[in-house]
Amino acid sequence: MEGIVAKRAESIYVSGRSDAWLKIINWTYVDVTITGYRKAEFGWLASVPGSGGKLRQAGVIELGVTPQHRAAFYSVKDRLKTHEDRNFVYLEPRLKARVKMRNWTKAGLLRAPTFVEFIL
């Protein structure tokens, strides 16, 4: 399940958001490999093991990355570069990260991936 909705027992239904009604998301955590980044706006390419153990693209991480995490990434990215195209720079698959997500899409992508931490 994606999550649950909780409400105060004495509250009444109101249209729109309310402090008396809370949506509690059931986050799923998954470990990914950062295999590249966008050139134009911020975003890390996230990959997961696919069939035969080969990595497959699973989405773009845009949320949850602090300035400290960006600085750490930018300090090593040039040493890991393999190639690039018009929109992305691709990296050796050596950077691991944990992300939280809402669930998997039908296409096998991460839904709303949010960076949690690097994995050493």
PDB file of N, CA and C in Angstrom:
ATOM      1  N   MET A   1       0.828  -1.185   0.000  1.00  0.00           N
ATOM      2  CA  MET A   1       0.000   0.000   0.000  1.00  0.00           C
ATOM      3  C   MET A   1       0.869   1.244   0.000  1.00  0.00           C
ATOM      4  N   GLU A   2       0.380   2.279  -0.616  1.00  0.00           N
ATOM      5  CA  GLU A   2       1.127   3.537  -0.675  1.00  0.00           C
ATOM      6  C   GLU A   2       1.211   4.201   0.684  1.00  0.00           C
ATOM      7  N   GLY A   3       0.195   4.050   1.506  1.00  0.00           N
ATOM      8  CA  GLY A   3       0.185   4.677   2.824  1.00  0.00           C
ATOM      9  C   GLY A   3      -1.204   4.634   3.409  1.00  0.00           C
ATOM     10  N   ILE A   4      -1.393   5.400   4.467  1.00  0.00           N
ATOM     11  CA  ILE A   4      -2.700   5.467   5.107  1.00  0.00           C
ATOM     12  C   ILE A   4      -3.034   6.922   5.398  1.00  0.00           C
ATOM     13  N   VAL A   5      -4.294   7.164   5.669  1.00  0.00           N
ATOM     14  CA  VAL A   5      -4.741   8.488   6.088  1.00  0.00           C
ATOM     15  C   VAL A   5      -5.191   8.374   7.528  1.00  0.00           C
ATOM     16  N   ALA A   6      -4.711   9.285   8.370  1.00  0.00           N
ATOM     17  CA  ALA A   6      -5.090   9.315   9.777  1.00  0.00           C
ATOM     18  C   ALA A   6      -5.815  10.630  10.040  1.00  0.00           C
ATOM     19  N   LYS A   7      -6.801  10.579  10.962  1.00  0.00           N
ATOM     20  CA  LYS A   7      -7.512  11.807  11.291  1.00  0.00           C
ATOM     21  C   LYS A   7      -7.786  11.855  12.787  1.00  0.00           C
ATOM     22  N   ARG A   8      -7.950  13.062  13.285  1.00  0.00           N
ATOM     23  CA  ARG A   8      -8.361  13.224  14.674  1.00  0.00           C
ATOM     24  C   ARG A   8      -9.806  12.746  14.797  1.00  0.00           C
ATOM     25  N   ALA A   9     -10.100  12.056  15.874  1.00  0.00           N
ATOM     26  CA  ALA A   9     -11.436  11.477  16.055  1.00  0.00           C
ATOM     27  C   ALA A   9     -12.535  12.534  16.030  1.00  0.00           C
ATOM     28  N   GLU A  10     -12.264  13.712  16.559  1.00  0.00           N
ATOM     29  CA  GLU A  10     -13.302  14.747  16.644  1.00  0.00           C
ATOM     30  C   GLU A  10     -13.383  15.625  15.392  1.00  0.00           C
ATOM     31  N   SER A  11     -12.525  15.398  14.417  1.00  0.00           N
ATOM     32  CA  SER A  11     -12.496  16.269  13.241  1.00  0.00           C
ATOM     33  C   SER A  11     -13.627  15.938  12.282  1.00  0.00           C
ATOM     34  N   ILE A  12     -13.996  16.924  11.501  1.00  0.00           N
ATOM     35  CA  ILE A  12     -14.986  16.726  10.451  1.00  0.00           C
ATOM     36  C   ILE A  12     -14.279  16.851   9.104  1.00  0.00           C
ATOM     37  N   TYR A  13     -14.909  16.335   8.069  1.00  0.00           N
ATOM     38  CA  TYR A  13     -14.301  16.392   6.738  1.00  0.00           C
ATOM     39  C   TYR A  13     -14.312  17.829   6.240  1.00  0.00           C
ATOM     40  N   VAL A  14     -13.164  18.255   5.703  1.00  0.00           N
ATOM     41  CA  VAL A  14     -13.064  19.554   5.050  1.00  0.00           C
ATOM     42  C   VAL A  14     -12.422  19.352   3.689  1.00  0.00           C
ATOM     43  N   SER A  15     -12.805  20.162   2.747  1.00  0.00           N
ATOM     44  CA  SER A  15     -12.223  20.091   1.418  1.00  0.00           C
ATOM     45  C   SER A  15     -10.834  20.723   1.459  1.00  0.00           C
ATOM     46  N   GLY A  16      -9.840  20.061   0.922  1.00  0.00           N
ATOM     47  CA  GLY A  16      -8.472  20.587   0.939  1.00  0.00           C
ATOM     48  C   GLY A  16      -7.674  20.043   2.105  1.00  0.00           C
ATOM     49  N   ARG A  17      -6.525  20.633   2.342  1.00  0.00           N
ATOM     50  CA  ARG A  17      -5.622  20.155   3.392  1.00  0.00           C
ATOM     51  C   ARG A  17      -6.084  20.616   4.772  1.00  0.00           C
ATOM     52  N   SER A  18      -5.761  19.783   5.761  1.00  0.00           N
ATOM     53  CA  SER A  18      -6.140  20.095   7.131  1.00  0.00           C
ATOM     54  C   SER A  18      -5.135  19.453   8.082  1.00  0.00           C
ATOM     55  N   ASP A  19      -4.841  20.127   9.200  1.00  0.00           N
ATOM     56  CA  ASP A  19      -3.956  19.542  10.215  1.00  0.00           C
ATOM     57  C   ASP A  19      -4.614  18.352  10.913  1.00  0.00           C
ATOM     58  N   ALA A  20      -5.930  18.242  10.816  1.00  0.00           N
ATOM     59  CA  ALA A  20      -6.648  17.151  11.466  1.00  0.00           C
ATOM     60  C   ALA A  20      -6.593  15.861  10.644  1.00  0.00           C
ATOM     61  N   TRP A  21      -6.237  15.957   9.374  1.00  0.00           N
ATOM     62  CA  TRP A  21      -6.142  14.799   8.497  1.00  0.00           C
ATOM     63  C   TRP A  21      -4.710  14.705   7.985  1.00  0.00           C
ATOM     64  N   LEU A  22      -4.068  13.568   8.152  1.00  0.00           N
ATOM     65  CA  LEU A  22      -2.678  13.385   7.733  1.00  0.00           C
ATOM     66  C   LEU A  22      -2.553  12.193   6.795  1.00  0.00           C
ATOM     67  N   LYS A  23      -1.806  12.368   5.734  1.00  0.00           N
ATOM     68  CA  LYS A  23      -1.464  11.254   4.852  1.00  0.00           C
ATOM     69  C   LYS A  23      -0.094  10.759   5.282  1.00  0.00           C
ATOM     70  N   ILE A  24      -0.030   9.517   5.650  1.00  0.00           N
ATOM     71  CA  ILE A  24       1.225   8.913   6.107  1.00  0.00           C
ATOM     72  C   ILE A  24       1.710   7.980   5.004  1.00  0.00           C
ATOM     73  N   ILE A  25       2.828   8.339   4.385  1.00  0.00           N
ATOM     74  CA  ILE A  25       3.342   7.585   3.242  1.00  0.00           C
ATOM     75  C   ILE A  25       4.161   6.394   3.718  1.00  0.00           C
ATOM     76  N   ASN A  26       3.935   5.272   3.110  1.00  0.00           N
ATOM     77  CA  ASN A  26       4.688   4.057   3.379  1.00  0.00           C
ATOM     78  C   ASN A  26       5.890   4.028   2.432  1.00  0.00           C
ATOM     79  N   TRP A  27       6.980   4.681   2.842  1.00  0.00           N
ATOM     80  CA  TRP A  27       8.164   4.761   1.982  1.00  0.00           C
ATOM     81  C   TRP A  27       8.800   3.393   1.824  1.00  0.00           C
ATOM     82  N   THR A  28       9.286   3.118   0.632  1.00  0.00           N
ATOM     83  CA  THR A  28      10.088   1.938   0.347  1.00  0.00           C
ATOM     84  C   THR A  28      11.515   2.425   0.128  1.00  0.00           C
ATOM     85  N   TYR A  29      12.485   1.724   0.684  1.00  0.00           N
ATOM     86  CA  TYR A  29      13.893   2.100   0.540  1.00  0.00           C
ATOM     87  C   TYR A  29      14.573   1.120  -0.409  1.00  0.00           C
ATOM     88  N   VAL A  30      15.393   1.655  -1.293  1.00  0.00           N
ATOM     89  CA  VAL A  30      16.097   0.812  -2.252  1.00  0.00           C
ATOM     90  C   VAL A  30      17.500   1.381  -2.458  1.00  0.00           C
ATOM     91  N   ASP A  31      18.461   0.490  -2.669  1.00  0.00           N
ATOM     92  CA  ASP A  31      19.830   0.897  -2.961  1.00  0.00           C
ATOM     93  C   ASP A  31      20.004   0.963  -4.477  1.00  0.00           C
ATOM     94  N   VAL A  32      20.566   2.067  -4.946  1.00  0.00           N
ATOM     95  CA  VAL A  32      20.749   2.286  -6.383  1.00  0.00           C
ATOM     96  C   VAL A  32      22.215   2.595  -6.672  1.00  0.00           C
ATOM     97  N   THR A  33      22.542   2.553  -7.934  1.00  0.00           N
ATOM     98  CA  THR A  33      23.854   2.974  -8.415  1.00  0.00           C
ATOM     99  C   THR A  33      23.659   4.258  -9.202  1.00  0.00           C
ATOM    100  N   ILE A  34      24.467   5.266  -8.914  1.00  0.00           N
ATOM    101  CA  ILE A  34      24.404   6.517  -9.660  1.00  0.00           C
ATOM    102  C   ILE A  34      25.279   6.348 -10.898  1.00  0.00           C
ATOM    103  N   THR A  35      24.644   6.357 -12.056  1.00  0.00           N
ATOM    104  CA  THR A  35      25.349   6.065 -13.306  1.00  0.00           C
ATOM    105  C   THR A  35      25.492   7.275 -14.220  1.00  0.00           C
ATOM    106  N   GLY A  36      25.115   8.442 -13.729  1.00  0.00           N
ATOM    107  CA  GLY A  36      25.260   9.639 -14.541  1.00  0.00           C
ATOM    108  C   GLY A  36      24.540  10.812 -13.924  1.00  0.00           C
ATOM    109  N   TYR A  37      24.552  11.913 -14.651  1.00  0.00           N
ATOM    110  CA  TYR A  37      23.853  13.113 -14.182  1.00  0.00           C
ATOM    111  C   TYR A  37      23.442  13.967 -15.375  1.00  0.00           C
ATOM    112  N   ARG A  38      22.414  14.776 -15.136  1.00  0.00           N
ATOM    113  CA  ARG A  38      21.929  15.697 -16.165  1.00  0.00           C
ATOM    114  C   ARG A  38      22.894  16.847 -16.338  1.00  0.00           C
ATOM    115  N   LYS A  39      22.983  17.353 -17.544  1.00  0.00           N
ATOM    116  CA  LYS A  39      23.830  18.518 -17.804  1.00  0.00           C
ATOM    117  C   LYS A  39      23.104  19.817 -17.471  1.00  0.00           C
ATOM    118  N   ALA A  40      21.839  19.927 -17.835  1.00  0.00           N
ATOM    119  CA  ALA A  40      21.124  21.202 -17.713  1.00  0.00           C
ATOM    120  C   ALA A  40      20.676  21.485 -16.283  1.00  0.00           C
ATOM    121  N   GLU A  41      19.736  20.745 -15.789  1.00  0.00           N
ATOM    122  CA  GLU A  41      19.254  20.960 -14.426  1.00  0.00           C
ATOM    123  C   GLU A  41      19.672  19.783 -13.571  1.00  0.00           C
ATOM    124  N   PHE A  42      19.643  19.951 -12.268  1.00  0.00           N
ATOM    125  CA  PHE A  42      20.155  18.916 -11.380  1.00  0.00           C
ATOM    126  C   PHE A  42      19.340  17.633 -11.481  1.00  0.00           C
ATOM    127  N   GLY A  43      20.050  16.515 -11.511  1.00  0.00           N
ATOM    128  CA  GLY A  43      19.431  15.200 -11.473  1.00  0.00           C
ATOM    129  C   GLY A  43      20.483  14.121 -11.652  1.00  0.00           C
ATOM    130  N   TRP A  44      20.463  13.124 -10.765  1.00  0.00           N
ATOM    131  CA  TRP A  44      21.373  11.986 -10.863  1.00  0.00           C
ATOM    132  C   TRP A  44      20.623  10.816 -11.475  1.00  0.00           C
ATOM    133  N   LEU A  45      21.241  10.128 -12.422  1.00  0.00           N
ATOM    134  CA  LEU A  45      20.651   8.929 -13.014  1.00  0.00           C
ATOM    135  C   LEU A  45      20.803   7.770 -12.038  1.00  0.00           C
ATOM    136  N   ALA A  46      19.692   7.132 -11.718  1.00  0.00           N
ATOM    137  CA  ALA A  46      19.696   6.002 -10.788  1.00  0.00           C
ATOM    138  C   ALA A  46      19.473   4.715 -11.568  1.00  0.00           C
ATOM    139  N   SER A  47      20.296   3.711 -11.271  1.00  0.00           N
ATOM    140  CA  SER A  47      20.174   2.410 -11.924  1.00  0.00           C
ATOM    141  C   SER A  47      20.055   1.325 -10.870  1.00  0.00           C
ATOM    142  N   VAL A  48      19.375   0.253 -11.250  1.00  0.00           N
ATOM    143  CA  VAL A  48      19.198  -0.905 -10.376  1.00  0.00           C
ATOM    144  C   VAL A  48      19.543  -2.155 -11.175  1.00  0.00           C
ATOM    145  N   PRO A  49      19.843  -3.263 -10.481  1.00  0.00           N
ATOM    146  CA  PRO A  49      20.127  -4.499 -11.216  1.00  0.00           C
ATOM    147  C   PRO A  49      18.910  -4.959 -12.012  1.00  0.00           C
ATOM    148  N   GLY A  50      19.146  -5.327 -13.253  1.00  0.00           N
ATOM    149  CA  GLY A  50      18.086  -5.850 -14.108  1.00  0.00           C
ATOM    150  C   GLY A  50      18.310  -7.325 -14.359  1.00  0.00           C
ATOM    151  N   SER A  51      17.776  -7.808 -15.448  1.00  0.00           N
ATOM    152  CA  SER A  51      17.935  -9.221 -15.780  1.00  0.00           C
ATOM    153  C   SER A  51      19.404  -9.530 -16.044  1.00  0.00           C
ATOM    154  N   GLY A  52      19.840 -10.649 -15.551  1.00  0.00           N
ATOM    155  CA  GLY A  52      21.229 -11.051 -15.724  1.00  0.00           C
ATOM    156  C   GLY A  52      22.208 -10.230 -14.906  1.00  0.00           C
ATOM    157  N   GLY A  53      21.708  -9.439 -13.948  1.00  0.00           N
ATOM    158  CA  GLY A  53      22.583  -8.638 -13.100  1.00  0.00           C
ATOM    159  C   GLY A  53      23.070  -7.349 -13.734  1.00  0.00           C
ATOM    160  N   LYS A  54      22.724  -7.120 -15.011  1.00  0.00           N
ATOM    161  CA  LYS A  54      23.134  -5.906 -15.696  1.00  0.00           C
ATOM    162  C   LYS A  54      22.298  -4.729 -15.192  1.00  0.00           C
ATOM    163  N   LEU A  55      22.947  -3.566 -15.022  1.00  0.00           N
ATOM    164  CA  LEU A  55      22.231  -2.395 -14.522  1.00  0.00           C
ATOM    165  C   LEU A  55      21.278  -1.849 -15.578  1.00  0.00           C
ATOM    166  N   ARG A  56      20.119  -1.383 -15.104  1.00  0.00           N
ATOM    167  CA  ARG A  56      19.144  -0.729 -15.979  1.00  0.00           C
ATOM    168  C   ARG A  56      18.737   0.595 -15.338  1.00  0.00           C
ATOM    169  N   GLN A  57      18.469   1.588 -16.187  1.00  0.00           N
ATOM    170  CA  GLN A  57      18.051   2.895 -15.699  1.00  0.00           C
ATOM    171  C   GLN A  57      16.702   2.761 -14.995  1.00  0.00           C
ATOM    172  N   ALA A  58      16.589   3.404 -13.821  1.00  0.00           N
ATOM    173  CA  ALA A  58      15.344   3.292 -13.051  1.00  0.00           C
ATOM    174  C   ALA A  58      14.754   4.646 -12.689  1.00  0.00           C
ATOM    175  N   GLY A  59      15.414   5.731 -13.079  1.00  0.00           N
ATOM    176  CA  GLY A  59      14.846   7.036 -12.777  1.00  0.00           C
ATOM    177  C   GLY A  59      15.910   8.085 -12.552  1.00  0.00           C
ATOM    178  N   VAL A  60      15.455   9.262 -12.135  1.00  0.00           N
ATOM    179  CA  VAL A  60      16.336  10.391 -11.875  1.00  0.00           C
ATOM    180  C   VAL A  60      16.074  10.894 -10.468  1.00  0.00           C
ATOM    181  N   ILE A  61      17.144  11.013  -9.688  1.00  0.00           N
ATOM    182  CA  ILE A  61      17.035  11.522  -8.322  1.00  0.00           C
ATOM    183  C   ILE A  61      17.187  13.034  -8.366  1.00  0.00           C
ATOM    184  N   GLU A  62      16.146  13.732  -7.926  1.00  0.00           N
ATOM    185  CA  GLU A  62      16.180  15.192  -7.903  1.00  0.00           C
ATOM    186  C   GLU A  62      15.989  15.741  -6.497  1.00  0.00           C
ATOM    187  N   LEU A  63      15.391  14.962  -5.620  1.00  0.00           N
ATOM    188  CA  LEU A  63      14.990  15.439  -4.295  1.00  0.00           C
ATOM    189  C   LEU A  63      15.897  14.907  -3.191  1.00  0.00           C
ATOM    190  N   GLY A  64      15.977  15.651  -2.095  1.00  0.00           N
ATOM    191  CA  GLY A  64      16.653  15.182  -0.891  1.00  0.00           C
ATOM    192  C   GLY A  64      18.158  15.358  -0.857  1.00  0.00           C
ATOM    193  N   VAL A  65      18.740  15.897  -1.897  1.00  0.00           N
ATOM    194  CA  VAL A  65      20.199  16.027  -1.970  1.00  0.00           C
ATOM    195  C   VAL A  65      20.608  17.355  -1.328  1.00  0.00           C
ATOM    196  N   THR A  66      21.416  17.274  -0.286  1.00  0.00           N
ATOM    197  CA  THR A  66      21.867  18.481   0.413  1.00  0.00           C
ATOM    198  C   THR A  66      23.053  19.105  -0.323  1.00  0.00           C
ATOM    199  N   PRO A  67      23.379  20.350  -0.026  1.00  0.00           N
ATOM    200  CA  PRO A  67      24.570  20.962  -0.627  1.00  0.00           C
ATOM    201  C   PRO A  67      25.846  20.177  -0.319  1.00  0.00           C
ATOM    202  N   GLN A  68      25.935  19.579   0.858  1.00  0.00           N
ATOM    203  CA  GLN A  68      27.113  18.778   1.217  1.00  0.00           C
ATOM    204  C   GLN A  68      27.220  17.530   0.339  1.00  0.00           C
ATOM    205  N   HIS A  69      26.075  16.891   0.070  1.00  0.00           N
ATOM    206  CA  HIS A  69      26.087  15.709  -0.798  1.00  0.00           C
ATOM    207  C   HIS A  69      26.447  16.088  -2.240  1.00  0.00           C
ATOM    208  N   ARG A  70      25.939  17.215  -2.697  1.00  0.00           N
ATOM    209  CA  ARG A  70      26.291  17.677  -4.050  1.00  0.00           C
ATOM    210  C   ARG A  70      27.784  17.948  -4.146  1.00  0.00           C
ATOM    211  N   ALA A  71      28.345  18.605  -3.130  1.00  0.00           N
ATOM    212  CA  ALA A  71      29.776  18.913  -3.130  1.00  0.00           C
ATOM    213  C   ALA A  71      30.602  17.630  -3.159  1.00  0.00           C
ATOM    214  N   ALA A  72      30.203  16.639  -2.381  1.00  0.00           N
ATOM    215  CA  ALA A  72      30.925  15.357  -2.372  1.00  0.00           C
ATOM    216  C   ALA A  72      30.856  14.707  -3.749  1.00  0.00           C
ATOM    217  N   PHE A  73      29.678  14.740  -4.369  1.00  0.00           N
ATOM    218  CA  PHE A  73      29.518  14.170  -5.704  1.00  0.00           C
ATOM    219  C   PHE A  73      30.388  14.901  -6.721  1.00  0.00           C
ATOM    220  N   TYR A  74      30.331  16.225  -6.716  1.00  0.00           N
ATOM    221  CA  TYR A  74      31.089  17.012  -7.695  1.00  0.00           C
ATOM    222  C   TYR A  74      32.599  16.857  -7.512  1.00  0.00           C
ATOM    223  N   SER A  75      33.035  16.469  -6.324  1.00  0.00           N
ATOM    224  CA  SER A  75      34.467  16.291  -6.111  1.00  0.00           C
ATOM    225  C   SER A  75      35.001  15.007  -6.758  1.00  0.00           C
ATOM    226  N   VAL A  76      34.131  14.050  -7.099  1.00  0.00           N
ATOM    227  CA  VAL A  76      34.596  12.790  -7.684  1.00  0.00           C
ATOM    228  C   VAL A  76      34.069  12.513  -9.092  1.00  0.00           C
ATOM    229  N   LYS A  77      33.073  13.248  -9.542  1.00  0.00           N
ATOM    230  CA  LYS A  77      32.394  12.922 -10.799  1.00  0.00           C
ATOM    231  C   LYS A  77      33.320  12.888 -12.011  1.00  0.00           C
ATOM    232  N   ASP A  78      34.278  13.813 -12.092  1.00  0.00           N
ATOM    233  CA  ASP A  78      35.137  13.876 -13.275  1.00  0.00           C
ATOM    234  C   ASP A  78      36.033  12.648 -13.409  1.00  0.00           C
ATOM    235  N   ARG A  79      36.417  12.056 -12.293  1.00  0.00           N
ATOM    236  CA  ARG A  79      37.254  10.850 -12.334  1.00  0.00           C
ATOM    237  C   ARG A  79      36.479   9.615 -12.783  1.00  0.00           C
ATOM    238  N   LEU A  80      35.144   9.674 -12.703  1.00  0.00           N
ATOM    239  CA  LEU A  80      34.312   8.516 -13.035  1.00  0.00           C
ATOM    240  C   LEU A  80      33.647   8.613 -14.407  1.00  0.00           C
ATOM    241  N   LYS A  81      33.849   9.722 -15.110  1.00  0.00           N
ATOM    242  CA  LYS A  81      33.182   9.962 -16.393  1.00  0.00           C
ATOM    243  C   LYS A  81      33.615   8.935 -17.433  1.00  0.00           C
ATOM    244  N   THR A  82      32.621   8.358 -18.137  1.00  0.00           N
ATOM    245  CA  THR A  82      32.913   7.412 -19.214  1.00  0.00           C
ATOM    246  C   THR A  82      32.594   8.021 -20.576  1.00  0.00           C
ATOM    247  N   HIS A  83      31.450   8.676 -20.698  1.00  0.00           N
ATOM    248  CA  HIS A  83      31.054   9.325 -21.951  1.00  0.00           C
ATOM    249  C   HIS A  83      29.883  10.257 -21.670  1.00  0.00           C
ATOM    250  N   GLU A  84      29.458  10.952 -22.707  1.00  0.00           N
ATOM    251  CA  GLU A  84      28.325  11.859 -22.546  1.00  0.00           C
ATOM    252  C   GLU A  84      27.559  11.975 -23.846  1.00  0.00           C
ATOM    253  N   ASP A  85      26.325  12.421 -23.735  1.00  0.00           N
ATOM    254  CA  ASP A  85      25.528  12.745 -24.910  1.00  0.00           C
ATOM    255  C   ASP A  85      24.998  14.167 -24.728  1.00  0.00           C
ATOM    256  N   ARG A  86      24.006  14.531 -25.485  1.00  0.00           N
ATOM    257  CA  ARG A  86      23.515  15.900 -25.453  1.00  0.00           C
ATOM    258  C   ARG A  86      22.957  16.308 -24.086  1.00  0.00           C
ATOM    259  N   ASN A  87      22.330  15.369 -23.376  1.00  0.00           N
ATOM    260  CA  ASN A  87      21.641  15.693 -22.127  1.00  0.00           C
ATOM    261  C   ASN A  87      22.308  15.181 -20.858  1.00  0.00           C
ATOM    262  N   PHE A  88      23.103  14.123 -20.967  1.00  0.00           N
ATOM    263  CA  PHE A  88      23.643  13.472 -19.775  1.00  0.00           C
ATOM    264  C   PHE A  88      25.140  13.223 -19.870  1.00  0.00           C
ATOM    265  N   VAL A  89      25.768  13.140 -18.700  1.00  0.00           N
ATOM    266  CA  VAL A  89      27.134  12.659 -18.569  1.00  0.00           C
ATOM    267  C   VAL A  89      27.015  11.316 -17.847  1.00  0.00           C
ATOM    268  N   TYR A  90      27.666  10.286 -18.367  1.00  0.00           N
ATOM    269  CA  TYR A  90      27.573   8.945 -17.810  1.00  0.00           C
ATOM    270  C   TYR A  90      28.835   8.619 -17.025  1.00  0.00           C
ATOM    271  N   LEU A  91      28.651   7.861 -15.952  1.00  0.00           N
ATOM    272  CA  LEU A  91      29.740   7.559 -15.024  1.00  0.00           C
ATOM    273  C   LEU A  91      29.943   6.059 -14.878  1.00  0.00           C
ATOM    274  N   GLU A  92      31.154   5.706 -14.450  1.00  0.00           N
ATOM    275  CA  GLU A  92      31.399   4.317 -14.061  1.00  0.00           C
ATOM    276  C   GLU A  92      30.440   3.993 -12.919  1.00  0.00           C
ATOM    277  N   PRO A  93      29.909   2.787 -12.877  1.00  0.00           N
ATOM    278  CA  PRO A  93      28.922   2.440 -11.840  1.00  0.00           C
ATOM    279  C   PRO A  93      29.570   2.116 -10.493  1.00  0.00           C
ATOM    280  N   ARG A  94      30.150   3.134  -9.871  1.00  0.00           N
ATOM    281  CA  ARG A  94      30.851   2.916  -8.603  1.00  0.00           C
ATOM    282  C   ARG A  94      30.219   3.657  -7.429  1.00  0.00           C
ATOM    283  N   LEU A  95      29.337   4.613  -7.698  1.00  0.00           N
ATOM    284  CA  LEU A  95      28.695   5.369  -6.623  1.00  0.00           C
ATOM    285  C   LEU A  95      27.364   4.713  -6.258  1.00  0.00           C
ATOM    286  N   LYS A  96      27.209   4.369  -4.986  1.00  0.00           N
ATOM    287  CA  LYS A  96      25.976   3.744  -4.504  1.00  0.00           C
ATOM    288  C   LYS A  96      25.257   4.718  -3.583  1.00  0.00           C
ATOM    289  N   ALA A  97      23.941   4.648  -3.617  1.00  0.00           N
ATOM    290  CA  ALA A  97      23.128   5.519  -2.771  1.00  0.00           C
ATOM    291  C   ALA A  97      21.868   4.782  -2.337  1.00  0.00           C
ATOM    292  N   ARG A  98      21.334   5.205  -1.221  1.00  0.00           N
ATOM    293  CA  ARG A  98      20.041   4.707  -0.755  1.00  0.00           C
ATOM    294  C   ARG A  98      19.028   5.809  -1.051  1.00  0.00           C
ATOM    295  N   VAL A  99      17.903   5.419  -1.623  1.00  0.00           N
ATOM    296  CA  VAL A  99      16.825   6.361  -1.886  1.00  0.00           C
ATOM    297  C   VAL A  99      15.544   5.815  -1.271  1.00  0.00           C
ATOM    298  N   LYS A 100      14.643   6.743  -0.958  1.00  0.00           N
ATOM    299  CA  LYS A 100      13.309   6.321  -0.562  1.00  0.00           C
ATOM    300  C   LYS A 100      12.384   6.689  -1.706  1.00  0.00           C
ATOM    301  N   MET A 101      11.370   5.855  -1.903  1.00  0.00           N
ATOM    302  CA  MET A 101      10.446   6.078  -3.011  1.00  0.00           C
ATOM    303  C   MET A 101       9.057   5.655  -2.576  1.00  0.00           C
ATOM    304  N   ARG A 102       8.067   6.095  -3.335  1.00  0.00           N
ATOM    305  CA  ARG A 102       6.692   5.722  -3.004  1.00  0.00           C
ATOM    306  C   ARG A 102       6.398   4.285  -3.423  1.00  0.00           C
ATOM    307  N   ASN A 103       6.845   3.881  -4.577  1.00  0.00           N
ATOM    308  CA  ASN A 103       6.708   2.510  -5.074  1.00  0.00           C
ATOM    309  C   ASN A 103       7.293   2.463  -6.486  1.00  0.00           C
ATOM    310  N   TRP A 104       7.126   1.339  -7.170  1.00  0.00           N
ATOM    311  CA  TRP A 104       7.607   1.186  -8.543  1.00  0.00           C
ATOM    312  C   TRP A 104       6.473   1.511  -9.507  1.00  0.00           C
ATOM    313  N   THR A 105       6.806   2.162 -10.621  1.00  0.00           N
ATOM    314  CA  THR A 105       5.805   2.396 -11.655  1.00  0.00           C
ATOM    315  C   THR A 105       5.607   1.113 -12.453  1.00  0.00           C
ATOM    316  N   LYS A 106       4.575   1.077 -13.275  1.00  0.00           N
ATOM    317  CA  LYS A 106       4.343  -0.098 -14.128  1.00  0.00           C
ATOM    318  C   LYS A 106       5.491  -0.307 -15.105  1.00  0.00           C
ATOM    319  N   ALA A 107       6.194   0.770 -15.447  1.00  0.00           N
ATOM    320  CA  ALA A 107       7.328   0.683 -16.366  1.00  0.00           C
ATOM    321  C   ALA A 107       8.618   0.265 -15.654  1.00  0.00           C
ATOM    322  N   GLY A 108       8.551   0.004 -14.346  1.00  0.00           N
ATOM    323  CA  GLY A 108       9.732  -0.431 -13.600  1.00  0.00           C
ATOM    324  C   GLY A 108      10.637   0.701 -13.158  1.00  0.00           C
ATOM    325  N   LEU A 109      10.080   1.910 -13.050  1.00  0.00           N
ATOM    326  CA  LEU A 109      10.863   3.068 -12.607  1.00  0.00           C
ATOM    327  C   LEU A 109      10.541   3.404 -11.160  1.00  0.00           C
ATOM    328  N   LEU A 110      11.457   4.133 -10.531  1.00  0.00           N
ATOM    329  CA  LEU A 110      11.249   4.601  -9.167  1.00  0.00           C
ATOM    330  C   LEU A 110      10.220   5.732  -9.183  1.00  0.00           C
ATOM    331  N   ARG A 111       9.208   5.651  -8.321  1.00  0.00           N
ATOM    332  CA  ARG A 111       8.228   6.730  -8.235  1.00  0.00           C
ATOM    333  C   ARG A 111       8.661   7.701  -7.136  1.00  0.00           C
ATOM    334  N   ALA A 112       8.941   8.936  -7.522  1.00  0.00           N
ATOM    335  CA  ALA A 112       9.354  10.010  -6.604  1.00  0.00           C
ATOM    336  C   ALA A 112      10.580   9.624  -5.764  1.00  0.00           C
ATOM    337  N   PRO A 113      11.692   9.244  -6.425  1.00  0.00           N
ATOM    338  CA  PRO A 113      12.885   8.880  -5.641  1.00  0.00           C
ATOM    339  C   PRO A 113      13.468  10.080  -4.911  1.00  0.00           C
ATOM    340  N   THR A 114      13.774   9.893  -3.640  1.00  0.00           N
ATOM    341  CA  THR A 114      14.349  10.936  -2.798  1.00  0.00           C
ATOM    342  C   THR A 114      15.632  10.408  -2.184  1.00  0.00           C
ATOM    343  N   PHE A 115      16.719  11.128  -2.389  1.00  0.00           N
ATOM    344  CA  PHE A 115      18.029  10.729  -1.872  1.00  0.00           C
ATOM    345  C   PHE A 115      18.006  10.680  -0.346  1.00  0.00           C
ATOM    346  N   VAL A 116      18.593   9.616   0.218  1.00  0.00           N
ATOM    347  CA  VAL A 116      18.712   9.480   1.668  1.00  0.00           C
ATOM    348  C   VAL A 116      20.172   9.595   2.085  1.00  0.00           C
ATOM    349  N   GLU A 117      21.048   8.768   1.470  1.00  0.00           N
ATOM    350  CA  GLU A 117      22.459   8.777   1.846  1.00  0.00           C
ATOM    351  C   GLU A 117      23.296   8.043   0.816  1.00  0.00           C
ATOM    352  N   PHE A 118      24.584   8.346   0.817  1.00  0.00           N
ATOM    353  CA  PHE A 118      25.530   7.551   0.033  1.00  0.00           C
ATOM    354  C   PHE A 118      25.819   6.277   0.794  1.00  0.00           C
ATOM    355  N   ILE A 119      26.124   5.219   0.067  1.00  0.00           N
ATOM    356  CA  ILE A 119      26.505   3.942   0.680  1.00  0.00           C
ATOM    357  C   ILE A 119      27.976   3.744   0.421  1.00  0.00           C
ATOM    358  N   LEU A 120      28.733   3.549   1.457  1.00  0.00           N
ATOM    359  CA  LEU A 120      30.186   3.365   1.322  1.00  0.00           C
ATOM    360  C   LEU A 120      30.541   1.903   1.274  1.00  0.00           C
TER     361      LEU A 120
END
